[in-house]
Amino acid sequence: MWFYKYLFIFALFSIVGWIIELIYRSIRSHKLINPGFMIGCVVPLYGVGTIILNLISILISKISFEYKIIFIFFMSMVLLTLLELICGFIFLKFFHIRLWDYRNN
């Protein structure tokens, strides 16, 4: 049953992330822009990130200590940044696609 739970989380947040990013990018550029590298309404990075956040919160909820919420915040920040870095590296190295380009910012 856990497989279906995480499949649903992955699908839902991949689509919701795509919708939010579509709206944001389209408003900023005044034209419709597909935010993903795939055809369709999905950005898998958001689904994987949400599953990571869910797993972190489940693992940390079993531990009892005073600054749990701060630990969850920093652990999530580090792991999601690492996920984005690894995905960006893989796409640049193997597919020659630069997903995020912050050189002008």
PDB file of N, CA and C in Angstrom:
ATOM      1  N   MET A   1       0.814  -1.207   0.000  1.00  0.00           N
ATOM      2  CA  MET A   1       0.000   0.000   0.000  1.00  0.00           C
ATOM      3  C   MET A   1       0.855   1.267   0.000  1.00  0.00           C
ATOM      4  N   TRP A   2       2.037   1.188   0.601  1.00  0.00           N
ATOM      5  CA  TRP A   2       2.903   2.357   0.655  1.00  0.00           C
ATOM      6  C   TRP A   2       3.330   2.787  -0.746  1.00  0.00           C
ATOM      7  N   PHE A   3       3.461   1.828  -1.683  1.00  0.00           N
ATOM      8  CA  PHE A   3       3.860   2.163  -3.049  1.00  0.00           C
ATOM      9  C   PHE A   3       2.840   3.090  -3.703  1.00  0.00           C
ATOM     10  N   TYR A   4       1.567   2.796  -3.521  1.00  0.00           N
ATOM     11  CA  TYR A   4       0.507   3.619  -4.115  1.00  0.00           C
ATOM     12  C   TYR A   4       0.459   5.003  -3.481  1.00  0.00           C
ATOM     13  N   LYS A   5       0.747   5.062  -2.183  1.00  0.00           N
ATOM     14  CA  LYS A   5       0.784   6.354  -1.497  1.00  0.00           C
ATOM     15  C   LYS A   5       1.859   7.250  -2.115  1.00  0.00           C
ATOM     16  N   TYR A   6       3.052   6.688  -2.292  1.00  0.00           N
ATOM     17  CA  TYR A   6       4.140   7.498  -2.838  1.00  0.00           C
ATOM     18  C   TYR A   6       3.983   7.745  -4.338  1.00  0.00           C
ATOM     19  N   LEU A   7       3.367   6.846  -5.044  1.00  0.00           N
ATOM     20  CA  LEU A   7       3.049   7.081  -6.450  1.00  0.00           C
ATOM     21  C   LEU A   7       2.063   8.232  -6.587  1.00  0.00           C
ATOM     22  N   PHE A   8       1.057   8.255  -5.705  1.00  0.00           N
ATOM     23  CA  PHE A   8       0.078   9.348  -5.714  1.00  0.00           C
ATOM     24  C   PHE A   8       0.739  10.675  -5.357  1.00  0.00           C
ATOM     25  N   ILE A   9       1.585  10.674  -4.314  1.00  0.00           N
ATOM     26  CA  ILE A   9       2.296  11.897  -3.920  1.00  0.00           C
ATOM     27  C   ILE A   9       3.167  12.392  -5.067  1.00  0.00           C
ATOM     28  N   PHE A  10       3.895  11.469  -5.696  1.00  0.00           N
ATOM     29  CA  PHE A  10       4.763  11.844  -6.815  1.00  0.00           C
ATOM     30  C   PHE A  10       3.957  12.464  -7.950  1.00  0.00           C
ATOM     31  N   ALA A  11       2.883  11.801  -8.348  1.00  0.00           N
ATOM     32  CA  ALA A  11       2.074  12.293  -9.466  1.00  0.00           C
ATOM     33  C   ALA A  11       1.416  13.632  -9.135  1.00  0.00           C
ATOM     34  N   LEU A  12       0.825  13.724  -7.958  1.00  0.00           N
ATOM     35  CA  LEU A  12       0.120  14.943  -7.575  1.00  0.00           C
ATOM     36  C   LEU A  12       1.045  16.152  -7.546  1.00  0.00           C
ATOM     37  N   PHE A  13       2.180  16.022  -6.869  1.00  0.00           N
ATOM     38  CA  PHE A  13       3.048  17.188  -6.721  1.00  0.00           C
ATOM     39  C   PHE A  13       3.869  17.471  -7.968  1.00  0.00           C
ATOM     40  N   SER A  14       4.079  16.480  -8.819  1.00  0.00           N
ATOM     41  CA  SER A  14       4.712  16.751 -10.112  1.00  0.00           C
ATOM     42  C   SER A  14       3.796  17.606 -10.975  1.00  0.00           C
ATOM     43  N   ILE A  15       2.504  17.338 -10.911  1.00  0.00           N
ATOM     44  CA  ILE A  15       1.532  18.104 -11.693  1.00  0.00           C
ATOM     45  C   ILE A  15       1.285  19.475 -11.058  1.00  0.00           C
ATOM     46  N   VAL A  16       1.108  19.517  -9.742  1.00  0.00           N
ATOM     47  CA  VAL A  16       0.866  20.800  -9.059  1.00  0.00           C
ATOM     48  C   VAL A  16       2.072  21.720  -9.217  1.00  0.00           C
ATOM     49  N   GLY A  17       3.276  21.176  -9.098  1.00  0.00           N
ATOM     50  CA  GLY A  17       4.486  21.981  -9.306  1.00  0.00           C
ATOM     51  C   GLY A  17       4.565  22.522 -10.708  1.00  0.00           C
ATOM     52  N   TRP A  18       4.189  21.685 -11.679  1.00  0.00           N
ATOM     53  CA  TRP A  18       4.180  22.136 -13.072  1.00  0.00           C
ATOM     54  C   TRP A  18       3.198  23.289 -13.258  1.00  0.00           C
ATOM     55  N   ILE A  19       2.008  23.166 -12.675  1.00  0.00           N
ATOM     56  CA  ILE A  19       0.980  24.217 -12.815  1.00  0.00           C
ATOM     57  C   ILE A  19       1.457  25.527 -12.200  1.00  0.00           C
ATOM     58  N   ILE A  20       2.012  25.458 -10.993  1.00  0.00           N
ATOM     59  CA  ILE A  20       2.480  26.678 -10.317  1.00  0.00           C
ATOM     60  C   ILE A  20       3.612  27.326 -11.108  1.00  0.00           C
ATOM     61  N   GLU A  21       4.562  26.516 -11.578  1.00  0.00           N
ATOM     62  CA  GLU A  21       5.668  27.083 -12.339  1.00  0.00           C
ATOM     63  C   GLU A  21       5.215  27.599 -13.700  1.00  0.00           C
ATOM     64  N   LEU A  22       4.247  26.941 -14.317  1.00  0.00           N
ATOM     65  CA  LEU A  22       3.682  27.412 -15.584  1.00  0.00           C
ATOM     66  C   LEU A  22       3.059  28.794 -15.411  1.00  0.00           C
ATOM     67  N   ILE A  23       2.271  28.955 -14.370  1.00  0.00           N
ATOM     68  CA  ILE A  23       1.630  30.248 -14.105  1.00  0.00           C
ATOM     69  C   ILE A  23       2.685  31.316 -13.844  1.00  0.00           C
ATOM     70  N   TYR A  24       3.661  30.997 -12.985  1.00  0.00           N
ATOM     71  CA  TYR A  24       4.697  31.976 -12.631  1.00  0.00           C
ATOM     72  C   TYR A  24       5.511  32.399 -13.849  1.00  0.00           C
ATOM     73  N   ARG A  25       6.006  31.423 -14.615  1.00  0.00           N
ATOM     74  CA  ARG A  25       6.832  31.763 -15.785  1.00  0.00           C
ATOM     75  C   ARG A  25       6.031  32.467 -16.867  1.00  0.00           C
ATOM     76  N   SER A  26       4.782  32.075 -17.041  1.00  0.00           N
ATOM     77  CA  SER A  26       3.962  32.703 -18.072  1.00  0.00           C
ATOM     78  C   SER A  26       3.635  34.150 -17.728  1.00  0.00           C
ATOM     79  N   ILE A  27       3.382  34.425 -16.470  1.00  0.00           N
ATOM     80  CA  ILE A  27       3.114  35.803 -16.050  1.00  0.00           C
ATOM     81  C   ILE A  27       4.361  36.657 -16.215  1.00  0.00           C
ATOM     82  N   ARG A  28       5.513  36.119 -15.830  1.00  0.00           N
ATOM     83  CA  ARG A  28       6.763  36.899 -15.924  1.00  0.00           C
ATOM     84  C   ARG A  28       7.160  37.205 -17.366  1.00  0.00           C
ATOM     85  N   SER A  29       6.926  36.269 -18.285  1.00  0.00           N
ATOM     86  CA  SER A  29       7.375  36.483 -19.661  1.00  0.00           C
ATOM     87  C   SER A  29       6.257  36.933 -20.588  1.00  0.00           C
ATOM     88  N   HIS A  30       5.039  37.029 -20.077  1.00  0.00           N
ATOM     89  CA  HIS A  30       3.876  37.462 -20.856  1.00  0.00           C
ATOM     90  C   HIS A  30       3.566  36.544 -22.044  1.00  0.00           C
ATOM     91  N   LYS A  31       3.969  35.294 -21.940  1.00  0.00           N
ATOM     92  CA  LYS A  31       3.599  34.285 -22.933  1.00  0.00           C
ATOM     93  C   LYS A  31       3.626  32.923 -22.256  1.00  0.00           C
ATOM     94  N   LEU A  32       2.977  31.953 -22.866  1.00  0.00           N
ATOM     95  CA  LEU A  32       2.872  30.617 -22.289  1.00  0.00           C
ATOM     96  C   LEU A  32       4.197  29.878 -22.432  1.00  0.00           C
ATOM     97  N   ILE A  33       4.758  29.419 -21.305  1.00  0.00           N
ATOM     98  CA  ILE A  33       6.040  28.722 -21.296  1.00  0.00           C
ATOM     99  C   ILE A  33       5.881  27.400 -20.548  1.00  0.00           C
ATOM    100  N   ASN A  34       6.273  26.301 -21.184  1.00  0.00           N
ATOM    101  CA  ASN A  34       6.277  24.999 -20.515  1.00  0.00           C
ATOM    102  C   ASN A  34       7.507  24.930 -19.619  1.00  0.00           C
ATOM    103  N   PRO A  35       7.324  24.792 -18.298  1.00  0.00           N
ATOM    104  CA  PRO A  35       8.466  24.843 -17.395  1.00  0.00           C
ATOM    105  C   PRO A  35       9.296  23.575 -17.363  1.00  0.00           C
ATOM    106  N   GLY A  36       8.799  22.484 -17.880  1.00  0.00           N
ATOM    107  CA  GLY A  36       9.524  21.226 -17.777  1.00  0.00           C
ATOM    108  C   GLY A  36      10.316  20.907 -19.024  1.00  0.00           C
ATOM    109  N   PHE A  37      11.140  19.903 -18.909  1.00  0.00           N
ATOM    110  CA  PHE A  37      11.898  19.423 -20.058  1.00  0.00           C
ATOM    111  C   PHE A  37      11.125  18.350 -20.801  1.00  0.00           C
ATOM    112  N   MET A  38      10.048  17.860 -20.191  1.00  0.00           N
ATOM    113  CA  MET A  38       9.259  16.790 -20.774  1.00  0.00           C
ATOM    114  C   MET A  38       8.055  17.369 -21.513  1.00  0.00           C
ATOM    115  N   ILE A  39       7.464  16.535 -22.360  1.00  0.00           N
ATOM    116  CA  ILE A  39       6.212  16.913 -23.002  1.00  0.00           C
ATOM    117  C   ILE A  39       5.092  16.519 -22.054  1.00  0.00           C
ATOM    118  N   GLY A  40       4.230  17.436 -21.760  1.00  0.00           N
ATOM    119  CA  GLY A  40       3.137  17.137 -20.848  1.00  0.00           C
ATOM    120  C   GLY A  40       3.197  17.992 -19.597  1.00  0.00           C
ATOM    121  N   CYS A  41       2.271  17.734 -18.737  1.00  0.00           N
ATOM    122  CA  CYS A  41       2.091  18.589 -17.560  1.00  0.00           C
ATOM    123  C   CYS A  41       2.687  17.934 -16.313  1.00  0.00           C
ATOM    124  N   VAL A  42       3.993  17.757 -16.313  1.00  0.00           N
ATOM    125  CA  VAL A  42       4.642  17.129 -15.173  1.00  0.00           C
ATOM    126  C   VAL A  42       6.093  17.602 -15.067  1.00  0.00           C
ATOM    127  N   VAL A  43       6.528  17.881 -13.835  1.00  0.00           N
ATOM    128  CA  VAL A  43       7.927  18.141 -13.522  1.00  0.00           C
ATOM    129  C   VAL A  43       8.314  17.157 -12.415  1.00  0.00           C
ATOM    130  N   PRO A  44       8.997  16.066 -12.777  1.00  0.00           N
ATOM    131  CA  PRO A  44       9.278  15.004 -11.813  1.00  0.00           C
ATOM    132  C   PRO A  44      10.095  15.448 -10.597  1.00  0.00           C
ATOM    133  N   LEU A  45      10.871  16.498 -10.744  1.00  0.00           N
ATOM    134  CA  LEU A  45      11.686  16.977  -9.625  1.00  0.00           C
ATOM    135  C   LEU A  45      10.820  17.372  -8.433  1.00  0.00           C
ATOM    136  N   TYR A  46       9.665  17.953  -8.688  1.00  0.00           N
ATOM    137  CA  TYR A  46       8.775  18.332  -7.591  1.00  0.00           C
ATOM    138  C   TYR A  46       8.200  17.104  -6.890  1.00  0.00           C
ATOM    139  N   GLY A  47       7.887  16.069  -7.647  1.00  0.00           N
ATOM    140  CA  GLY A  47       7.379  14.840  -7.046  1.00  0.00           C
ATOM    141  C   GLY A  47       8.427  14.146  -6.194  1.00  0.00           C
ATOM    142  N   VAL A  48       9.649  14.047  -6.709  1.00  0.00           N
ATOM    143  CA  VAL A  48      10.735  13.421  -5.951  1.00  0.00           C
ATOM    144  C   VAL A  48      11.053  14.246  -4.707  1.00  0.00           C
ATOM    145  N   GLY A  49      11.078  15.563  -4.855  1.00  0.00           N
ATOM    146  CA  GLY A  49      11.337  16.432  -3.697  1.00  0.00           C
ATOM    147  C   GLY A  49      10.294  16.279  -2.608  1.00  0.00           C
ATOM    148  N   THR A  50       9.049  16.152  -3.004  1.00  0.00           N
ATOM    149  CA  THR A  50       7.978  15.980  -2.022  1.00  0.00           C
ATOM    150  C   THR A  50       8.091  14.635  -1.312  1.00  0.00           C
ATOM    151  N   ILE A  51       8.475  13.603  -2.029  1.00  0.00           N
ATOM    152  CA  ILE A  51       8.676  12.298  -1.392  1.00  0.00           C
ATOM    153  C   ILE A  51       9.834  12.373  -0.404  1.00  0.00           C
ATOM    154  N   ILE A  52      10.905  13.057  -0.761  1.00  0.00           N
ATOM    155  CA  ILE A  52      12.026  13.234   0.167  1.00  0.00           C
ATOM    156  C   ILE A  52      11.573  13.973   1.415  1.00  0.00           C
ATOM    157  N   LEU A  53      10.813  15.053   1.246  1.00  0.00           N
ATOM    158  CA  LEU A  53      10.303  15.790   2.411  1.00  0.00           C
ATOM    159  C   LEU A  53       9.423  14.916   3.284  1.00  0.00           C
ATOM    160  N   ASN A  54       8.587  14.094   2.666  1.00  0.00           N
ATOM    161  CA  ASN A  54       7.716  13.200   3.418  1.00  0.00           C
ATOM    162  C   ASN A  54       8.530  12.183   4.207  1.00  0.00           C
ATOM    163  N   LEU A  55       9.533  11.594   3.580  1.00  0.00           N
ATOM    164  CA  LEU A  55      10.364  10.608   4.267  1.00  0.00           C
ATOM    165  C   LEU A  55      11.161  11.235   5.410  1.00  0.00           C
ATOM    166  N   ILE A  56      11.667  12.444   5.206  1.00  0.00           N
ATOM    167  CA  ILE A  56      12.386  13.145   6.277  1.00  0.00           C
ATOM    168  C   ILE A  56      11.465  13.378   7.463  1.00  0.00           C
ATOM    169  N   SER A  57      10.270  13.847   7.200  1.00  0.00           N
ATOM    170  CA  SER A  57       9.356  14.133   8.308  1.00  0.00           C
ATOM    171  C   SER A  57       8.946  12.860   9.038  1.00  0.00           C
ATOM    172  N   ILE A  58       8.799  11.749   8.331  1.00  0.00           N
ATOM    173  CA  ILE A  58       8.464  10.482   8.989  1.00  0.00           C
ATOM    174  C   ILE A  58       9.629  10.009   9.855  1.00  0.00           C
ATOM    175  N   LEU A  59      10.844  10.067   9.322  1.00  0.00           N
ATOM    176  CA  LEU A  59      12.005   9.620  10.089  1.00  0.00           C
ATOM    177  C   LEU A  59      12.260  10.491  11.315  1.00  0.00           C
ATOM    178  N   ILE A  60      12.137  11.795  11.154  1.00  0.00           N
ATOM    179  CA  ILE A  60      12.419  12.715  12.257  1.00  0.00           C
ATOM    180  C   ILE A  60      11.298  12.683  13.285  1.00  0.00           C
ATOM    181  N   SER A  61      10.077  12.388  12.885  1.00  0.00           N
ATOM    182  CA  SER A  61       8.967  12.378  13.848  1.00  0.00           C
ATOM    183  C   SER A  61       9.126  11.273  14.890  1.00  0.00           C
ATOM    184  N   LYS A  62       9.901  10.262  14.579  1.00  0.00           N
ATOM    185  CA  LYS A  62      10.126   9.174  15.522  1.00  0.00           C
ATOM    186  C   LYS A  62      11.178   9.534  16.573  1.00  0.00           C
ATOM    187  N   ILE A  63      11.932  10.597  16.332  1.00  0.00           N
ATOM    188  CA  ILE A  63      12.969  11.043  17.260  1.00  0.00           C
ATOM    189  C   ILE A  63      12.418  12.204  18.069  1.00  0.00           C
ATOM    190  N   SER A  64      12.738  12.231  19.340  1.00  0.00           N
ATOM    191  CA  SER A  64      12.244  13.305  20.201  1.00  0.00           C
ATOM    192  C   SER A  64      13.416  14.163  20.677  1.00  0.00           C
ATOM    193  N   PHE A  65      13.459  15.390  20.186  1.00  0.00           N
ATOM    194  CA  PHE A  65      14.424  16.356  20.693  1.00  0.00           C
ATOM    195  C   PHE A  65      13.863  17.753  20.525  1.00  0.00           C
ATOM    196  N   GLU A  66      14.519  18.711  21.141  1.00  0.00           N
ATOM    197  CA  GLU A  66      13.937  20.038  21.326  1.00  0.00           C
ATOM    198  C   GLU A  66      13.778  20.835  20.037  1.00  0.00           C
ATOM    199  N   TYR A  67      14.771  20.830  19.183  1.00  0.00           N
ATOM    200  CA  TYR A  67      14.761  21.685  17.995  1.00  0.00           C
ATOM    201  C   TYR A  67      14.473  20.872  16.728  1.00  0.00           C
ATOM    202  N   LYS A  68      13.461  20.041  16.777  1.00  0.00           N
ATOM    203  CA  LYS A  68      13.138  19.132  15.679  1.00  0.00           C
ATOM    204  C   LYS A  68      12.770  19.893  14.406  1.00  0.00           C
ATOM    205  N   ILE A  69      11.976  20.934  14.524  1.00  0.00           N
ATOM    206  CA  ILE A  69      11.513  21.664  13.339  1.00  0.00           C
ATOM    207  C   ILE A  69      12.670  22.367  12.625  1.00  0.00           C
ATOM    208  N   ILE A  70      13.623  22.870  13.383  1.00  0.00           N
ATOM    209  CA  ILE A  70      14.796  23.521  12.785  1.00  0.00           C
ATOM    210  C   ILE A  70      15.650  22.484  12.071  1.00  0.00           C
ATOM    211  N   PHE A  71      15.802  21.312  12.681  1.00  0.00           N
ATOM    212  CA  PHE A  71      16.557  20.232  12.065  1.00  0.00           C
ATOM    213  C   PHE A  71      15.896  19.762  10.772  1.00  0.00           C
ATOM    214  N   ILE A  72      14.588  19.621  10.775  1.00  0.00           N
ATOM    215  CA  ILE A  72      13.850  19.218   9.577  1.00  0.00           C
ATOM    216  C   ILE A  72      14.040  20.259   8.470  1.00  0.00           C
ATOM    217  N   PHE A  73      13.980  21.536   8.840  1.00  0.00           N
ATOM    218  CA  PHE A  73      14.154  22.604   7.858  1.00  0.00           C
ATOM    219  C   PHE A  73      15.518  22.522   7.186  1.00  0.00           C
ATOM    220  N   PHE A  74      16.581  22.439   7.983  1.00  0.00           N
ATOM    221  CA  PHE A  74      17.924  22.423   7.404  1.00  0.00           C
ATOM    222  C   PHE A  74      18.221  21.119   6.664  1.00  0.00           C
ATOM    223  N   MET A  75      17.726  20.006   7.165  1.00  0.00           N
ATOM    224  CA  MET A  75      17.912  18.736   6.484  1.00  0.00           C
ATOM    225  C   MET A  75      17.199  18.757   5.126  1.00  0.00           C
ATOM    226  N   SER A  76      16.000  19.293   5.089  1.00  0.00           N
ATOM    227  CA  SER A  76      15.255  19.406   3.832  1.00  0.00           C
ATOM    228  C   SER A  76      15.966  20.334   2.861  1.00  0.00           C
ATOM    229  N   MET A  77      16.456  21.449   3.371  1.00  0.00           N
ATOM    230  CA  MET A  77      17.151  22.406   2.526  1.00  0.00           C
ATOM    231  C   MET A  77      18.385  21.773   1.880  1.00  0.00           C
ATOM    232  N   VAL A  78      19.163  21.052   2.658  1.00  0.00           N
ATOM    233  CA  VAL A  78      20.383  20.436   2.142  1.00  0.00           C
ATOM    234  C   VAL A  78      20.051  19.335   1.136  1.00  0.00           C
ATOM    235  N   LEU A  79      19.122  18.450   1.480  1.00  0.00           N
ATOM    236  CA  LEU A  79      18.812  17.329   0.595  1.00  0.00           C
ATOM    237  C   LEU A  79      18.153  17.769  -0.710  1.00  0.00           C
ATOM    238  N   LEU A  80      17.259  18.760  -0.654  1.00  0.00           N
ATOM    239  CA  LEU A  80      16.605  19.223  -1.882  1.00  0.00           C
ATOM    240  C   LEU A  80      17.564  20.014  -2.771  1.00  0.00           C
ATOM    241  N   THR A  81      18.476  20.756  -2.158  1.00  0.00           N
ATOM    242  CA  THR A  81      19.496  21.448  -2.940  1.00  0.00           C
ATOM    243  C   THR A  81      20.426  20.441  -3.604  1.00  0.00           C
ATOM    244  N   LEU A  82      20.778  19.391  -2.883  1.00  0.00           N
ATOM    245  CA  LEU A  82      21.603  18.327  -3.442  1.00  0.00           C
ATOM    246  C   LEU A  82      20.878  17.615  -4.583  1.00  0.00           C
ATOM    247  N   LEU A  83      19.587  17.364  -4.429  1.00  0.00           N
ATOM    248  CA  LEU A  83      18.791  16.753  -5.489  1.00  0.00           C
ATOM    249  C   LEU A  83      18.799  17.626  -6.745  1.00  0.00           C
ATOM    250  N   GLU A  84      18.602  18.921  -6.580  1.00  0.00           N
ATOM    251  CA  GLU A  84      18.599  19.832  -7.725  1.00  0.00           C
ATOM    252  C   GLU A  84      19.974  19.895  -8.377  1.00  0.00           C
ATOM    253  N   LEU A  85      21.020  19.882  -7.581  1.00  0.00           N
ATOM    254  CA  LEU A  85      22.380  19.910  -8.112  1.00  0.00           C
ATOM    255  C   LEU A  85      22.686  18.650  -8.916  1.00  0.00           C
ATOM    256  N   ILE A  86      22.308  17.495  -8.384  1.00  0.00           N
ATOM    257  CA  ILE A  86      22.556  16.227  -9.070  1.00  0.00           C
ATOM    258  C   ILE A  86      21.759  16.160 -10.381  1.00  0.00           C
ATOM    259  N   CYS A  87      20.490  16.554 -10.338  1.00  0.00           N
ATOM    260  CA  CYS A  87      19.670  16.551 -11.566  1.00  0.00           C
ATOM    261  C   CYS A  87      20.241  17.502 -12.611  1.00  0.00           C
ATOM    262  N   GLY A  88      20.635  18.685 -12.183  1.00  0.00           N
ATOM    263  CA  GLY A  88      21.220  19.648 -13.112  1.00  0.00           C
ATOM    264  C   GLY A  88      22.507  19.141 -13.729  1.00  0.00           C
ATOM    265  N   PHE A  89      23.338  18.478 -12.918  1.00  0.00           N
ATOM    266  CA  PHE A  89      24.591  17.920 -13.420  1.00  0.00           C
ATOM    267  C   PHE A  89      24.335  16.804 -14.432  1.00  0.00           C
ATOM    268  N   ILE A  90      23.409  15.906 -14.115  1.00  0.00           N
ATOM    269  CA  ILE A  90      23.098  14.795 -15.025  1.00  0.00           C
ATOM    270  C   ILE A  90      22.570  15.313 -16.362  1.00  0.00           C
ATOM    271  N   PHE A  91      21.666  16.286 -16.319  1.00  0.00           N
ATOM    272  CA  PHE A  91      21.110  16.802 -17.570  1.00  0.00           C
ATOM    273  C   PHE A  91      22.148  17.565 -18.375  1.00  0.00           C
ATOM    274  N   LEU A  92      23.022  18.281 -17.715  1.00  0.00           N
ATOM    275  CA  LEU A  92      24.051  19.013 -18.434  1.00  0.00           C
ATOM    276  C   LEU A  92      25.086  18.060 -19.029  1.00  0.00           C
ATOM    277  N   LYS A  93      25.493  17.067 -18.279  1.00  0.00           N
ATOM    278  CA  LYS A  93      26.548  16.158 -18.717  1.00  0.00           C
ATOM    279  C   LYS A  93      26.077  15.170 -19.786  1.00  0.00           C
ATOM    280  N   PHE A  94      24.911  14.579 -19.598  1.00  0.00           N
ATOM    281  CA  PHE A  94      24.484  13.499 -20.484  1.00  0.00           C
ATOM    282  C   PHE A  94      23.522  13.942 -21.588  1.00  0.00           C
ATOM    283  N   PHE A  95      22.698  14.945 -21.321  1.00  0.00           N
ATOM    284  CA  PHE A  95      21.708  15.374 -22.305  1.00  0.00           C
ATOM    285  C   PHE A  95      22.033  16.741 -22.913  1.00  0.00           C
ATOM    286  N   HIS A  96      23.047  17.405 -22.390  1.00  0.00           N
ATOM    287  CA  HIS A  96      23.468  18.735 -22.863  1.00  0.00           C
ATOM    288  C   HIS A  96      22.323  19.743 -22.792  1.00  0.00           C
ATOM    289  N   ILE A  97      21.560  19.654 -21.709  1.00  0.00           N
ATOM    290  CA  ILE A  97      20.456  20.576 -21.448  1.00  0.00           C
ATOM    291  C   ILE A  97      20.744  21.291 -20.137  1.00  0.00           C
ATOM    292  N   ARG A  98      20.730  22.622 -20.174  1.00  0.00           N
ATOM    293  CA  ARG A  98      20.935  23.402 -18.949  1.00  0.00           C
ATOM    294  C   ARG A  98      19.550  23.772 -18.409  1.00  0.00           C
ATOM    295  N   LEU A  99      19.112  23.032 -17.370  1.00  0.00           N
ATOM    296  CA  LEU A  99      17.776  23.240 -16.815  1.00  0.00           C
ATOM    297  C   LEU A  99      17.670  24.560 -16.064  1.00  0.00           C
ATOM    298  N   TRP A 100      18.721  24.917 -15.333  1.00  0.00           N
ATOM    299  CA  TRP A 100      18.706  26.145 -14.549  1.00  0.00           C
ATOM    300  C   TRP A 100      19.933  26.951 -14.946  1.00  0.00           C
ATOM    301  N   ASP A 101      19.698  28.188 -15.313  1.00  0.00           N
ATOM    302  CA  ASP A 101      20.804  29.047 -15.709  1.00  0.00           C
ATOM    303  C   ASP A 101      20.734  30.345 -14.903  1.00  0.00           C
ATOM    304  N   TYR A 102      21.604  30.425 -13.914  1.00  0.00           N
ATOM    305  CA  TYR A 102      21.610  31.597 -13.040  1.00  0.00           C
ATOM    306  C   TYR A 102      22.827  32.489 -13.323  1.00  0.00           C
ATOM    307  N   ARG A 103      23.457  32.323 -14.466  1.00  0.00           N
ATOM    308  CA  ARG A 103      24.676  33.081 -14.756  1.00  0.00           C
ATOM    309  C   ARG A 103      24.425  34.584 -14.862  1.00  0.00           C
ATOM    310  N   ASN A 104      23.230  34.996 -15.264  1.00  0.00           N
ATOM    311  CA  ASN A 104      22.945  36.430 -15.423  1.00  0.00           C
ATOM    312  C   ASN A 104      22.340  37.046 -14.178  1.00  0.00           C
ATOM    313  N   ASN A 105      22.145  36.273 -13.144  1.00  0.00           N
ATOM    314  CA  ASN A 105      21.520  36.806 -11.919  1.00  0.00           C
ATOM    315  C   ASN A 105      22.558  37.116 -10.861  1.00  0.00           C
TER     316      ASN A 105
END
